[in-house]
Amino acid sequence: MDAVIYLSGYAIVFYFVLSIVYRLFRGLWNLKLGSLLGFSEKFKPKDNSWAVITGATDGIGLAYAHEFCKRGYNLLLISRNPSKLNDVKQEIDSKSNKKGKEIKVYAADFSKSDIYPGIEKEVTRLPRVDVLVNNVGMSYPNPEYFASPHLSEINEQIINVNSVSCAKMCSIVLPMMEQQKHGVILNVSSFSALDPCPLLALYAASKAFVDVFSRSIGYEYAKKGITVQSVLPGFVATKMSKIRKAYWMAPTPENYVKSQLKTVGLDDQTTGYWSHELQYYFTQHVFPIIYGRSLTSNIAFNQMKLLRHKALKKQQQQAADAARS
């Protein structure tokens, strides 16, 4: 009996050690070894290859636009603000060394549900679409309790922008890619999709939808020459994250995108960057064994409560200043 108990204990320990080692190797493979050995997506566009990018005027989406232009793709950039789209078009044109490549822009507000016939008409005019980047996203202005009355409209917008847009854009582009027998779809989820995220509940849930949806259709279309990858970035120095200065845990959008693109074709899910992969390794594999899976959610809850408190205090101060003026 004692021998059985000892063997069971050794087997459990061996299993956990093996799972941790496997994830560590998987991270090294995705972020370094796979691309070095030539197993990642090569991104060799034809003259008439197009990359369609949503949320392309800021942050990660803008970095994708610059990077795919450098790699020789024609671009269709879709975002809400026509003026910013035209500014981005001029910016990319001025910096591009790929002369003769075309850049189109299309203004669409993804918080609305009636935009997709127009988008579909614009996309299906293209000779071929080899890349789709579903990057458009939105979150709460500040961490907040889900049922707060003033969030009802924002909650609906979050669902439309983060979840509905991803599914709709894929449904528009996939028939074209299926006919071509080739295509890459990058759906930008979030690290917050991996665990419960109190005070950002609907944002995290909408990004969890993107993650599971991406990996599901990835299985459906893998044998048809189409690669679908769920991208789960941690903090990146963007306007949305409110991080102004990049550091090792929050890279610039440009550095993040260059790193992430090396992982395409190696796995259906990626954090995209070495420090985010390290964070994934500890929060998903090490900490749950030692402390249980609730640790990360408890930490997130405490952080979000602190941020919420600071935001409310700032709003109260602004209201007081306005009353005095």
C-alpha atoms as a PDB file:
ATOM      1  CA  MET A   1       0.000   0.000   0.000  1.00  0.00           C
ATOM      2  CA  ASP A   2       2.798   2.404   0.921  1.00  0.00           C
ATOM      3  CA  ALA A   3       4.519   1.623  -2.363  1.00  0.00           C
ATOM      4  CA  VAL A   4       1.361   2.520  -4.294  1.00  0.00           C
ATOM      5  CA  ILE A   5       1.101   5.847  -2.444  1.00  0.00           C
ATOM      6  CA  TYR A   6       4.758   6.651  -3.117  1.00  0.00           C
ATOM      7  CA  LEU A   7       4.442   5.728  -6.791  1.00  0.00           C
ATOM      8  CA  SER A   8       1.296   7.825  -7.129  1.00  0.00           C
ATOM      9  CA  GLY A   9       3.088  10.775  -5.544  1.00  0.00           C
ATOM     10  CA  TYR A  10       6.057  10.411  -7.870  1.00  0.00           C
ATOM     11  CA  ALA A  11       3.733  10.128 -10.863  1.00  0.00           C
ATOM     12  CA  ILE A  12       1.903  13.333  -9.921  1.00  0.00           C
ATOM     13  CA  VAL A  13       5.150  15.238  -9.387  1.00  0.00           C
ATOM     14  CA  PHE A  14       6.538  13.886 -12.671  1.00  0.00           C
ATOM     15  CA  TYR A  15       3.382  14.974 -14.498  1.00  0.00           C
ATOM     16  CA  PHE A  16       3.550  18.530 -13.156  1.00  0.00           C
ATOM     17  CA  VAL A  17       7.280  18.834 -13.862  1.00  0.00           C
ATOM     18  CA  LEU A  18       6.783  17.468 -17.373  1.00  0.00           C
ATOM     19  CA  SER A  19       3.926  19.901 -18.067  1.00  0.00           C
ATOM     20  CA  ILE A  20       6.041  22.852 -16.898  1.00  0.00           C
ATOM     21  CA  VAL A  21       9.024  21.743 -19.001  1.00  0.00           C
ATOM     22  CA  TYR A  22       6.740  21.235 -22.004  1.00  0.00           C
ATOM     23  CA  ARG A  23       5.312  24.741 -21.708  1.00  0.00           C
ATOM     24  CA  LEU A  24       8.787  26.198 -21.342  1.00  0.00           C
ATOM     25  CA  PHE A  25       9.942  24.409 -24.486  1.00  0.00           C
ATOM     26  CA  ARG A  26       6.757  25.427 -26.286  1.00  0.00           C
ATOM     27  CA  GLY A  27       7.451  29.068 -25.453  1.00  0.00           C
ATOM     28  CA  LEU A  28      11.044  28.804 -26.683  1.00  0.00           C
ATOM     29  CA  TRP A  29       9.848  27.075 -29.845  1.00  0.00           C
ATOM     30  CA  ASN A  30       7.213  29.698 -30.614  1.00  0.00           C
ATOM     31  CA  LEU A  31       9.316  32.762 -29.900  1.00  0.00           C
ATOM     32  CA  LYS A  32      12.762  31.688 -31.084  1.00  0.00           C
ATOM     33  CA  LEU A  33      13.529  28.169 -32.271  1.00  0.00           C
ATOM     34  CA  GLY A  34      10.634  27.695 -34.714  1.00  0.00           C
ATOM     35  CA  SER A  35      11.396  30.789 -36.764  1.00  0.00           C
ATOM     36  CA  LEU A  36      15.170  30.208 -36.638  1.00  0.00           C
ATOM     37  CA  LEU A  37      14.667  26.709 -38.045  1.00  0.00           C
ATOM     38  CA  GLY A  38      12.341  27.986 -40.774  1.00  0.00           C
ATOM     39  CA  PHE A  39       9.039  26.505 -39.592  1.00  0.00           C
ATOM     40  CA  SER A  40       7.112  29.775 -39.157  1.00  0.00           C
ATOM     41  CA  GLU A  41       5.013  31.514 -41.812  1.00  0.00           C
ATOM     42  CA  LYS A  42       7.247  33.011 -44.513  1.00  0.00           C
ATOM     43  CA  PHE A  43       4.928  35.890 -45.538  1.00  0.00           C
ATOM     44  CA  LYS A  44       5.851  35.937 -49.228  1.00  0.00           C
ATOM     45  CA  PRO A  45       3.183  38.118 -50.858  1.00  0.00           C
ATOM     46  CA  LYS A  46       2.273  38.111 -54.522  1.00  0.00           C
ATOM     47  CA  ASP A  47       1.991  41.415 -56.374  1.00  0.00           C
ATOM     48  CA  ASN A  48      -1.780  41.408 -55.817  1.00  0.00           C
ATOM     49  CA  SER A  49      -1.708  40.241 -52.178  1.00  0.00           C
ATOM     50  CA  TRP A  50      -3.643  42.363 -49.700  1.00  0.00           C
ATOM     51  CA  ALA A  51      -3.554  42.605 -45.934  1.00  0.00           C
ATOM     52  CA  VAL A  52      -6.776  43.795 -44.290  1.00  0.00           C
ATOM     53  CA  ILE A  53      -6.225  45.376 -40.863  1.00  0.00           C
ATOM     54  CA  THR A  54      -8.885  46.676 -38.473  1.00  0.00           C
ATOM     55  CA  GLY A  55      -8.144  49.222 -35.769  1.00  0.00           C
ATOM     56  CA  ALA A  56      -5.184  50.365 -37.831  1.00  0.00           C
ATOM     57  CA  THR A  57      -4.709  53.992 -36.766  1.00  0.00           C
ATOM     58  CA  ASP A  58      -3.049  53.496 -33.375  1.00  0.00           C
ATOM     59  CA  GLY A  59      -0.910  51.141 -31.333  1.00  0.00           C
ATOM     60  CA  ILE A  60      -0.629  47.508 -32.363  1.00  0.00           C
ATOM     61  CA  GLY A  61      -2.850  47.909 -35.435  1.00  0.00           C
ATOM     62  CA  LEU A  62      -0.721  50.755 -36.776  1.00  0.00           C
ATOM     63  CA  ALA A  63       2.418  48.697 -36.172  1.00  0.00           C
ATOM     64  CA  TYR A  64       0.900  45.791 -38.148  1.00  0.00           C
ATOM     65  CA  ALA A  65       0.109  48.181 -41.003  1.00  0.00           C
ATOM     66  CA  HIS A  66       3.698  49.431 -41.177  1.00  0.00           C
ATOM     67  CA  GLU A  67       5.135  45.924 -40.914  1.00  0.00           C
ATOM     68  CA  PHE A  68       2.966  44.342 -43.607  1.00  0.00           C
ATOM     69  CA  CYS A  69       3.676  47.264 -45.927  1.00  0.00           C
ATOM     70  CA  LYS A  70       7.414  46.684 -45.390  1.00  0.00           C
ATOM     71  CA  ARG A  71       6.883  43.036 -46.291  1.00  0.00           C
ATOM     72  CA  GLY A  72       5.310  43.955 -49.619  1.00  0.00           C
ATOM     73  CA  TYR A  73       1.556  43.723 -49.051  1.00  0.00           C
ATOM     74  CA  ASN A  74      -1.056  46.100 -50.349  1.00  0.00           C
ATOM     75  CA  LEU A  75      -3.110  47.402 -47.433  1.00  0.00           C
ATOM     76  CA  LEU A  76      -6.783  47.914 -46.673  1.00  0.00           C
ATOM     77  CA  LEU A  77      -6.987  49.761 -43.361  1.00  0.00           C
ATOM     78  CA  ILE A  78     -10.337  49.892 -41.560  1.00  0.00           C
ATOM     79  CA  SER A  79     -10.938  52.168 -38.580  1.00  0.00           C
ATOM     80  CA  ARG A  80     -13.516  54.622 -37.282  1.00  0.00           C
ATOM     81  CA  ASN A  81     -11.877  57.997 -37.918  1.00  0.00           C
ATOM     82  CA  PRO A  82     -11.539  59.026 -41.617  1.00  0.00           C
ATOM     83  CA  SER A  83      -9.089  61.828 -40.830  1.00  0.00           C
ATOM     84  CA  LYS A  84      -6.756  59.565 -38.852  1.00  0.00           C
ATOM     85  CA  LEU A  85      -6.991  56.909 -41.567  1.00  0.00           C
ATOM     86  CA  ASN A  86      -5.837  59.393 -44.203  1.00  0.00           C
ATOM     87  CA  ASP A  87      -3.023  60.573 -41.926  1.00  0.00           C
ATOM     88  CA  VAL A  88      -1.881  56.973 -41.452  1.00  0.00           C
ATOM     89  CA  LYS A  89      -2.057  56.344 -45.191  1.00  0.00           C
ATOM     90  CA  GLN A  90       0.200  59.342 -45.845  1.00  0.00           C
ATOM     91  CA  GLU A  91       2.546  58.330 -43.035  1.00  0.00           C
ATOM     92  CA  ILE A  92       2.969  54.786 -44.376  1.00  0.00           C
ATOM     93  CA  ASP A  93       3.328  56.044 -47.961  1.00  0.00           C
ATOM     94  CA  SER A  94       6.090  58.442 -46.931  1.00  0.00           C
ATOM     95  CA  LYS A  95       8.043  55.777 -45.046  1.00  0.00           C
ATOM     96  CA  SER A  96       7.474  52.830 -47.355  1.00  0.00           C
ATOM     97  CA  ASN A  97      10.291  51.438 -49.466  1.00  0.00           C
ATOM     98  CA  LYS A  98       7.813  49.253 -51.369  1.00  0.00           C
ATOM     99  CA  LYS A  99       6.926  51.557 -54.226  1.00  0.00           C
ATOM    100  CA  GLY A 100       3.877  50.695 -56.289  1.00  0.00           C
ATOM    101  CA  LYS A 101       2.025  49.118 -53.377  1.00  0.00           C
ATOM    102  CA  GLU A 102      -1.514  50.360 -52.876  1.00  0.00           C
ATOM    103  CA  ILE A 103      -3.021  51.541 -49.599  1.00  0.00           C
ATOM    104  CA  LYS A 104      -6.786  51.845 -49.273  1.00  0.00           C
ATOM    105  CA  VAL A 105      -8.686  53.141 -46.264  1.00  0.00           C
ATOM    106  CA  TYR A 106     -12.273  52.545 -45.225  1.00  0.00           C
ATOM    107  CA  ALA A 107     -14.006  54.270 -42.312  1.00  0.00           C
ATOM    108  CA  ALA A 108     -16.298  52.090 -40.199  1.00  0.00           C
ATOM    109  CA  ASP A 109     -17.468  52.297 -36.599  1.00  0.00           C
ATOM    110  CA  PHE A 110     -17.282  48.737 -35.266  1.00  0.00           C
ATOM    111  CA  SER A 111     -19.525  49.605 -32.324  1.00  0.00           C
ATOM    112  CA  LYS A 112     -22.390  49.672 -34.865  1.00  0.00           C
ATOM    113  CA  SER A 113     -23.993  46.549 -36.295  1.00  0.00           C
ATOM    114  CA  ASP A 114     -24.959  47.871 -39.745  1.00  0.00           C
ATOM    115  CA  ILE A 115     -21.459  48.389 -41.159  1.00  0.00           C
ATOM    116  CA  TYR A 116     -20.699  44.946 -42.556  1.00  0.00           C
ATOM    117  CA  PRO A 117     -22.429  45.080 -45.976  1.00  0.00           C
ATOM    118  CA  GLY A 118     -20.238  48.093 -46.814  1.00  0.00           C
ATOM    119  CA  ILE A 119     -17.094  46.400 -45.500  1.00  0.00           C
ATOM    120  CA  GLU A 120     -17.883  43.201 -47.396  1.00  0.00           C
ATOM    121  CA  LYS A 121     -18.349  45.152 -50.621  1.00  0.00           C
ATOM    122  CA  GLU A 122     -14.981  46.869 -50.115  1.00  0.00           C
ATOM    123  CA  VAL A 123     -13.113  43.666 -49.206  1.00  0.00           C
ATOM    124  CA  THR A 124     -14.544  41.485 -51.981  1.00  0.00           C
ATOM    125  CA  ARG A 125     -13.394  44.047 -54.561  1.00  0.00           C
ATOM    126  CA  LEU A 126      -9.805  43.119 -53.757  1.00  0.00           C
ATOM    127  CA  PRO A 127      -8.153  40.572 -56.087  1.00  0.00           C
ATOM    128  CA  ARG A 128      -7.040  38.424 -53.139  1.00  0.00           C
ATOM    129  CA  VAL A 129      -6.729  38.743 -49.356  1.00  0.00           C
ATOM    130  CA  ASP A 130      -3.773  36.867 -47.889  1.00  0.00           C
ATOM    131  CA  VAL A 131      -3.778  38.418 -44.415  1.00  0.00           C
ATOM    132  CA  LEU A 132      -6.527  39.552 -42.056  1.00  0.00           C
ATOM    133  CA  VAL A 133      -5.614  41.205 -38.763  1.00  0.00           C
ATOM    134  CA  ASN A 134      -8.603  41.636 -36.454  1.00  0.00           C
ATOM    135  CA  ASN A 135      -7.089  44.163 -34.089  1.00  0.00           C
ATOM    136  CA  VAL A 136      -9.911  46.623 -33.388  1.00  0.00           C
ATOM    137  CA  GLY A 137     -10.844  46.645 -29.713  1.00  0.00           C
ATOM    138  CA  MET A 138     -12.143  48.718 -26.830  1.00  0.00           C
ATOM    139  CA  SER A 139     -12.295  48.498 -23.063  1.00  0.00           C
ATOM    140  CA  TYR A 140     -13.844  50.407 -20.181  1.00  0.00           C
ATOM    141  CA  PRO A 141     -12.633  53.976 -19.604  1.00  0.00           C
ATOM    142  CA  ASN A 142     -11.752  52.788 -16.086  1.00  0.00           C
ATOM    143  CA  PRO A 143     -12.202  49.531 -14.127  1.00  0.00           C
ATOM    144  CA  GLU A 144     -15.838  49.246 -13.035  1.00  0.00           C
ATOM    145  CA  TYR A 145     -18.434  46.840 -11.665  1.00  0.00           C
ATOM    146  CA  PHE A 146     -20.289  45.092 -14.490  1.00  0.00           C
ATOM    147  CA  ALA A 147     -23.853  46.176 -13.611  1.00  0.00           C
ATOM    148  CA  SER A 148     -23.053  49.855 -13.106  1.00  0.00           C
ATOM    149  CA  PRO A 149     -25.944  51.733 -14.785  1.00  0.00           C
ATOM    150  CA  HIS A 150     -23.710  54.063 -16.806  1.00  0.00           C
ATOM    151  CA  LEU A 151     -21.995  51.079 -18.475  1.00  0.00           C
ATOM    152  CA  SER A 152     -25.023  49.655 -20.312  1.00  0.00           C
ATOM    153  CA  GLU A 153     -24.185  51.365 -23.610  1.00  0.00           C
ATOM    154  CA  ILE A 154     -20.451  50.743 -23.258  1.00  0.00           C
ATOM    155  CA  ASN A 155     -21.067  47.042 -22.566  1.00  0.00           C
ATOM    156  CA  GLU A 156     -22.942  46.691 -25.838  1.00  0.00           C
ATOM    157  CA  GLN A 157     -20.183  48.527 -27.688  1.00  0.00           C
ATOM    158  CA  ILE A 158     -17.516  46.250 -26.185  1.00  0.00           C
ATOM    159  CA  ILE A 159     -19.358  43.168 -27.449  1.00  0.00           C
ATOM    160  CA  ASN A 160     -19.735  44.658 -30.935  1.00  0.00           C
ATOM    161  CA  VAL A 161     -16.175  45.944 -31.223  1.00  0.00           C
ATOM    162  CA  ASN A 162     -14.298  43.049 -29.627  1.00  0.00           C
ATOM    163  CA  SER A 163     -16.358  39.950 -30.410  1.00  0.00           C
ATOM    164  CA  VAL A 164     -18.839  40.593 -33.214  1.00  0.00           C
ATOM    165  CA  SER A 165     -16.261  42.341 -35.402  1.00  0.00           C
ATOM    166  CA  CYS A 166     -13.904  39.371 -35.172  1.00  0.00           C
ATOM    167  CA  ALA A 167     -16.544  36.853 -36.237  1.00  0.00           C
ATOM    168  CA  LYS A 168     -17.981  39.082 -38.968  1.00  0.00           C
ATOM    169  CA  MET A 169     -14.624  39.953 -40.531  1.00  0.00           C
ATOM    170  CA  CYS A 170     -13.625  36.287 -40.568  1.00  0.00           C
ATOM    171  CA  SER A 171     -16.915  35.358 -42.257  1.00  0.00           C
ATOM    172  CA  ILE A 172     -16.220  37.947 -44.973  1.00  0.00           C
ATOM    173  CA  VAL A 173     -12.606  36.957 -45.648  1.00  0.00           C
ATOM    174  CA  LEU A 174     -12.604  33.174 -45.173  1.00  0.00           C
ATOM    175  CA  PRO A 175     -14.462  32.332 -48.438  1.00  0.00           C
ATOM    176  CA  MET A 176     -11.835  34.304 -50.387  1.00  0.00           C
ATOM    177  CA  MET A 177      -8.965  32.575 -48.578  1.00  0.00           C
ATOM    178  CA  GLU A 178     -10.617  29.192 -49.039  1.00  0.00           C
ATOM    179  CA  GLN A 179     -10.831  29.773 -52.783  1.00  0.00           C
ATOM    180  CA  GLN A 180      -7.164  30.871 -52.845  1.00  0.00           C
ATOM    181  CA  LYS A 181      -6.191  27.872 -50.659  1.00  0.00           C
ATOM    182  CA  HIS A 182      -4.052  30.223 -48.619  1.00  0.00           C
ATOM    183  CA  GLY A 183      -4.431  32.846 -45.930  1.00  0.00           C
ATOM    184  CA  VAL A 184      -3.376  34.029 -42.490  1.00  0.00           C
ATOM    185  CA  ILE A 185      -5.812  35.384 -39.903  1.00  0.00           C
ATOM    186  CA  LEU A 186      -4.483  37.021 -36.754  1.00  0.00           C
ATOM    187  CA  ASN A 187      -7.165  37.692 -34.163  1.00  0.00           C
ATOM    188  CA  VAL A 188      -5.881  39.942 -31.388  1.00  0.00           C
ATOM    189  CA  SER A 189      -7.268  38.728 -28.073  1.00  0.00           C
ATOM    190  CA  SER A 190      -5.685  39.681 -24.740  1.00  0.00           C
ATOM    191  CA  PHE A 191      -3.772  38.173 -21.836  1.00  0.00           C
ATOM    192  CA  SER A 192      -6.824  39.068 -19.733  1.00  0.00           C
ATOM    193  CA  ALA A 193      -8.753  36.343 -21.587  1.00  0.00           C
ATOM    194  CA  LEU A 194      -6.842  33.635 -19.716  1.00  0.00           C
ATOM    195  CA  ASP A 195      -8.272  34.180 -16.227  1.00  0.00           C
ATOM    196  CA  PRO A 196     -11.273  35.885 -14.609  1.00  0.00           C
ATOM    197  CA  CYS A 197     -10.622  39.621 -14.582  1.00  0.00           C
ATOM    198  CA  PRO A 198     -12.862  41.398 -12.041  1.00  0.00           C
ATOM    199  CA  LEU A 199     -13.864  44.992 -12.845  1.00  0.00           C
ATOM    200  CA  LEU A 200     -12.990  44.342 -16.494  1.00  0.00           C
ATOM    201  CA  ALA A 201     -15.421  41.437 -16.730  1.00  0.00           C
ATOM    202  CA  LEU A 202     -16.988  41.988 -20.129  1.00  0.00           C
ATOM    203  CA  TYR A 203     -13.737  43.101 -21.741  1.00  0.00           C
ATOM    204  CA  ALA A 204     -11.991  39.922 -20.560  1.00  0.00           C
ATOM    205  CA  ALA A 205     -14.955  37.757 -21.595  1.00  0.00           C
ATOM    206  CA  SER A 206     -15.099  39.334 -25.051  1.00  0.00           C
ATOM    207  CA  LYS A 207     -11.406  38.623 -25.518  1.00  0.00           C
ATOM    208  CA  ALA A 208     -11.884  35.040 -24.289  1.00  0.00           C
ATOM    209  CA  PHE A 209     -14.451  34.677 -27.075  1.00  0.00           C
ATOM    210  CA  VAL A 210     -11.840  35.835 -29.590  1.00  0.00           C
ATOM    211  CA  ASP A 211      -9.348  33.278 -28.260  1.00  0.00           C
ATOM    212  CA  VAL A 212     -11.672  30.247 -28.359  1.00  0.00           C
ATOM    213  CA  PHE A 213     -13.306  31.297 -31.636  1.00  0.00           C
ATOM    214  CA  SER A 214      -9.902  31.690 -33.303  1.00  0.00           C
ATOM    215  CA  ARG A 215      -8.617  28.299 -32.237  1.00  0.00           C
ATOM    216  CA  SER A 216     -11.906  26.656 -33.217  1.00  0.00           C
ATOM    217  CA  ILE A 217     -11.995  27.967 -36.778  1.00  0.00           C
ATOM    218  CA  GLY A 218      -8.270  27.278 -36.979  1.00  0.00           C
ATOM    219  CA  TYR A 219      -9.071  23.571 -36.742  1.00  0.00           C
ATOM    220  CA  GLU A 220     -11.866  23.932 -39.295  1.00  0.00           C
ATOM    221  CA  TYR A 221      -9.681  25.546 -41.955  1.00  0.00           C
ATOM    222  CA  ALA A 222      -6.186  24.191 -41.262  1.00  0.00           C
ATOM    223  CA  LYS A 223      -6.359  21.650 -44.098  1.00  0.00           C
ATOM    224  CA  LYS A 224      -7.521  24.332 -46.509  1.00  0.00           C
ATOM    225  CA  GLY A 225      -4.252  26.264 -46.374  1.00  0.00           C
ATOM    226  CA  ILE A 226      -5.494  28.829 -43.848  1.00  0.00           C
ATOM    227  CA  THR A 227      -3.627  29.638 -40.640  1.00  0.00           C
ATOM    228  CA  VAL A 228      -5.621  31.190 -37.808  1.00  0.00           C
ATOM    229  CA  GLN A 229      -3.812  32.381 -34.711  1.00  0.00           C
ATOM    230  CA  SER A 230      -5.110  33.789 -31.448  1.00  0.00           C
ATOM    231  CA  VAL A 231      -2.790  36.574 -30.270  1.00  0.00           C
ATOM    232  CA  LEU A 232      -2.815  37.272 -26.520  1.00  0.00           C
ATOM    233  CA  PRO A 233      -0.616  40.276 -25.758  1.00  0.00           C
ATOM    234  CA  GLY A 234       0.056  41.391 -22.232  1.00  0.00           C
ATOM    235  CA  PHE A 235       0.781  45.052 -21.623  1.00  0.00           C
ATOM    236  CA  VAL A 236       2.019  47.002 -24.665  1.00  0.00           C
ATOM    237  CA  ALA A 237       2.865  50.709 -24.566  1.00  0.00           C
ATOM    238  CA  THR A 238      -0.249  52.060 -26.328  1.00  0.00           C
ATOM    239  CA  LYS A 239      -2.959  54.658 -25.742  1.00  0.00           C
ATOM    240  CA  MET A 240      -5.423  51.932 -24.769  1.00  0.00           C
ATOM    241  CA  SER A 241      -3.146  50.536 -22.057  1.00  0.00           C
ATOM    242  CA  LYS A 242      -2.318  54.102 -20.897  1.00  0.00           C
ATOM    243  CA  ILE A 243       1.344  53.080 -20.689  1.00  0.00           C
ATOM    244  CA  ARG A 244       3.351  55.945 -22.140  1.00  0.00           C
ATOM    245  CA  LYS A 245       6.873  54.572 -21.846  1.00  0.00           C
ATOM    246  CA  ALA A 246       7.873  51.089 -22.990  1.00  0.00           C
ATOM    247  CA  TYR A 247       9.779  48.773 -20.678  1.00  0.00           C
ATOM    248  CA  TRP A 248      10.638  45.073 -20.614  1.00  0.00           C
ATOM    249  CA  MET A 249       7.114  43.959 -19.651  1.00  0.00           C
ATOM    250  CA  ALA A 250       5.407  46.461 -21.975  1.00  0.00           C
ATOM    251  CA  PRO A 251       7.211  46.681 -25.335  1.00  0.00           C
ATOM    252  CA  THR A 252       6.550  49.211 -28.053  1.00  0.00           C
ATOM    253  CA  PRO A 253       3.875  48.135 -30.568  1.00  0.00           C
ATOM    254  CA  GLU A 254       6.576  47.876 -33.247  1.00  0.00           C
ATOM    255  CA  ASN A 255       8.740  45.494 -31.229  1.00  0.00           C
ATOM    256  CA  TYR A 256       5.715  43.471 -30.183  1.00  0.00           C
ATOM    257  CA  VAL A 257       4.462  42.997 -33.756  1.00  0.00           C
ATOM    258  CA  LYS A 258       7.887  41.993 -35.113  1.00  0.00           C
ATOM    259  CA  SER A 259       8.188  39.393 -32.361  1.00  0.00           C
ATOM    260  CA  GLN A 260       4.626  38.109 -32.745  1.00  0.00           C
ATOM    261  CA  LEU A 261       4.855  37.583 -36.502  1.00  0.00           C
ATOM    262  CA  LYS A 262       7.723  35.140 -35.943  1.00  0.00           C
ATOM    263  CA  THR A 263       5.268  32.841 -34.141  1.00  0.00           C
ATOM    264  CA  VAL A 264       2.714  32.572 -36.956  1.00  0.00           C
ATOM    265  CA  GLY A 265       2.363  29.006 -38.202  1.00  0.00           C
ATOM    266  CA  LEU A 266       3.969  27.504 -35.099  1.00  0.00           C
ATOM    267  CA  ASP A 267       1.000  27.476 -32.735  1.00  0.00           C
ATOM    268  CA  ASP A 268      -2.668  28.443 -32.785  1.00  0.00           C
ATOM    269  CA  GLN A 269      -2.240  30.607 -29.674  1.00  0.00           C
ATOM    270  CA  THR A 270       0.608  32.956 -28.806  1.00  0.00           C
ATOM    271  CA  THR A 271       1.452  35.690 -26.336  1.00  0.00           C
ATOM    272  CA  GLY A 272       3.793  37.018 -29.014  1.00  0.00           C
ATOM    273  CA  TYR A 273       6.578  38.407 -26.848  1.00  0.00           C
ATOM    274  CA  TRP A 274       9.185  36.875 -24.538  1.00  0.00           C
ATOM    275  CA  SER A 275       8.188  38.735 -21.352  1.00  0.00           C
ATOM    276  CA  HIS A 276       4.497  38.008 -21.962  1.00  0.00           C
ATOM    277  CA  GLU A 277       5.354  34.339 -22.475  1.00  0.00           C
ATOM    278  CA  LEU A 278       7.268  34.386 -19.193  1.00  0.00           C
ATOM    279  CA  GLN A 279       4.225  35.888 -17.503  1.00  0.00           C
ATOM    280  CA  TYR A 280       2.043  33.191 -19.074  1.00  0.00           C
ATOM    281  CA  TYR A 281       4.425  30.489 -17.884  1.00  0.00           C
ATOM    282  CA  PHE A 282       4.183  31.563 -14.251  1.00  0.00           C
ATOM    283  CA  THR A 283       0.507  32.562 -14.072  1.00  0.00           C
ATOM    284  CA  GLN A 284      -0.822  29.525 -15.937  1.00  0.00           C
ATOM    285  CA  HIS A 285       1.573  26.761 -14.877  1.00  0.00           C
ATOM    286  CA  VAL A 286       3.665  27.592 -11.824  1.00  0.00           C
ATOM    287  CA  PHE A 287       1.437  29.700  -9.563  1.00  0.00           C
ATOM    288  CA  PRO A 288      -1.657  27.455  -9.919  1.00  0.00           C
ATOM    289  CA  ILE A 289       0.342  24.473  -8.642  1.00  0.00           C
ATOM    290  CA  ILE A 290       1.648  26.389  -5.632  1.00  0.00           C
ATOM    291  CA  TYR A 291      -1.193  28.782  -4.803  1.00  0.00           C
ATOM    292  CA  GLY A 292      -4.232  27.634  -6.810  1.00  0.00           C
ATOM    293  CA  ARG A 293      -5.816  29.217  -9.862  1.00  0.00           C
ATOM    294  CA  SER A 294      -7.534  31.990  -7.904  1.00  0.00           C
ATOM    295  CA  LEU A 295      -4.257  33.813  -7.208  1.00  0.00           C
ATOM    296  CA  THR A 296      -4.062  35.731 -10.487  1.00  0.00           C
ATOM    297  CA  SER A 297      -7.724  36.776 -10.301  1.00  0.00           C
ATOM    298  CA  ASN A 298      -7.304  37.977  -6.717  1.00  0.00           C
ATOM    299  CA  ILE A 299      -4.237  39.997  -7.703  1.00  0.00           C
ATOM    300  CA  ALA A 300      -6.098  41.436 -10.702  1.00  0.00           C
ATOM    301  CA  PHE A 301      -9.101  42.328  -8.531  1.00  0.00           C
ATOM    302  CA  ASN A 302      -6.939  44.217  -6.040  1.00  0.00           C
ATOM    303  CA  GLN A 303      -5.108  46.060  -8.827  1.00  0.00           C
ATOM    304  CA  MET A 304      -8.355  47.003 -10.574  1.00  0.00           C
ATOM    305  CA  LYS A 305      -9.928  48.230  -7.321  1.00  0.00           C
ATOM    306  CA  LEU A 306      -6.911  50.465  -6.776  1.00  0.00           C
ATOM    307  CA  LEU A 307      -7.109  51.848 -10.321  1.00  0.00           C
ATOM    308  CA  ARG A 308     -10.850  52.398  -9.948  1.00  0.00           C
ATOM    309  CA  HIS A 309     -10.321  54.274  -6.693  1.00  0.00           C
ATOM    310  CA  LYS A 310      -7.720  56.533  -8.324  1.00  0.00           C
ATOM    311  CA  ALA A 311      -9.992  57.188 -11.309  1.00  0.00           C
ATOM    312  CA  LEU A 312     -12.966  58.097  -9.094  1.00  0.00           C
ATOM    313  CA  LYS A 313     -10.786  60.371  -7.002  1.00  0.00           C
ATOM    314  CA  LYS A 314      -9.538  62.121 -10.140  1.00  0.00           C
ATOM    315  CA  GLN A 315     -13.099  62.558 -11.430  1.00  0.00           C
ATOM    316  CA  GLN A 316     -14.205  64.034  -8.100  1.00  0.00           C
ATOM    317  CA  GLN A 317     -11.270  66.450  -8.141  1.00  0.00           C
ATOM    318  CA  GLN A 318     -12.068  67.517 -11.699  1.00  0.00           C
ATOM    319  CA  ALA A 319     -15.723  68.074 -10.752  1.00  0.00           C
ATOM    320  CA  ALA A 320     -14.674  70.168  -7.748  1.00  0.00           C
ATOM    321  CA  ASP A 321     -12.295  72.243  -9.887  1.00  0.00           C
ATOM    322  CA  ALA A 322     -15.033  72.803 -12.463  1.00  0.00           C
ATOM    323  CA  ALA A 323     -17.477  73.910  -9.756  1.00  0.00           C
ATOM    324  CA  ARG A 324     -14.989  76.467  -8.436  1.00  0.00           C
ATOM    325  CA  SER A 325     -14.251  77.946 -11.850  1.00  0.00           C
END
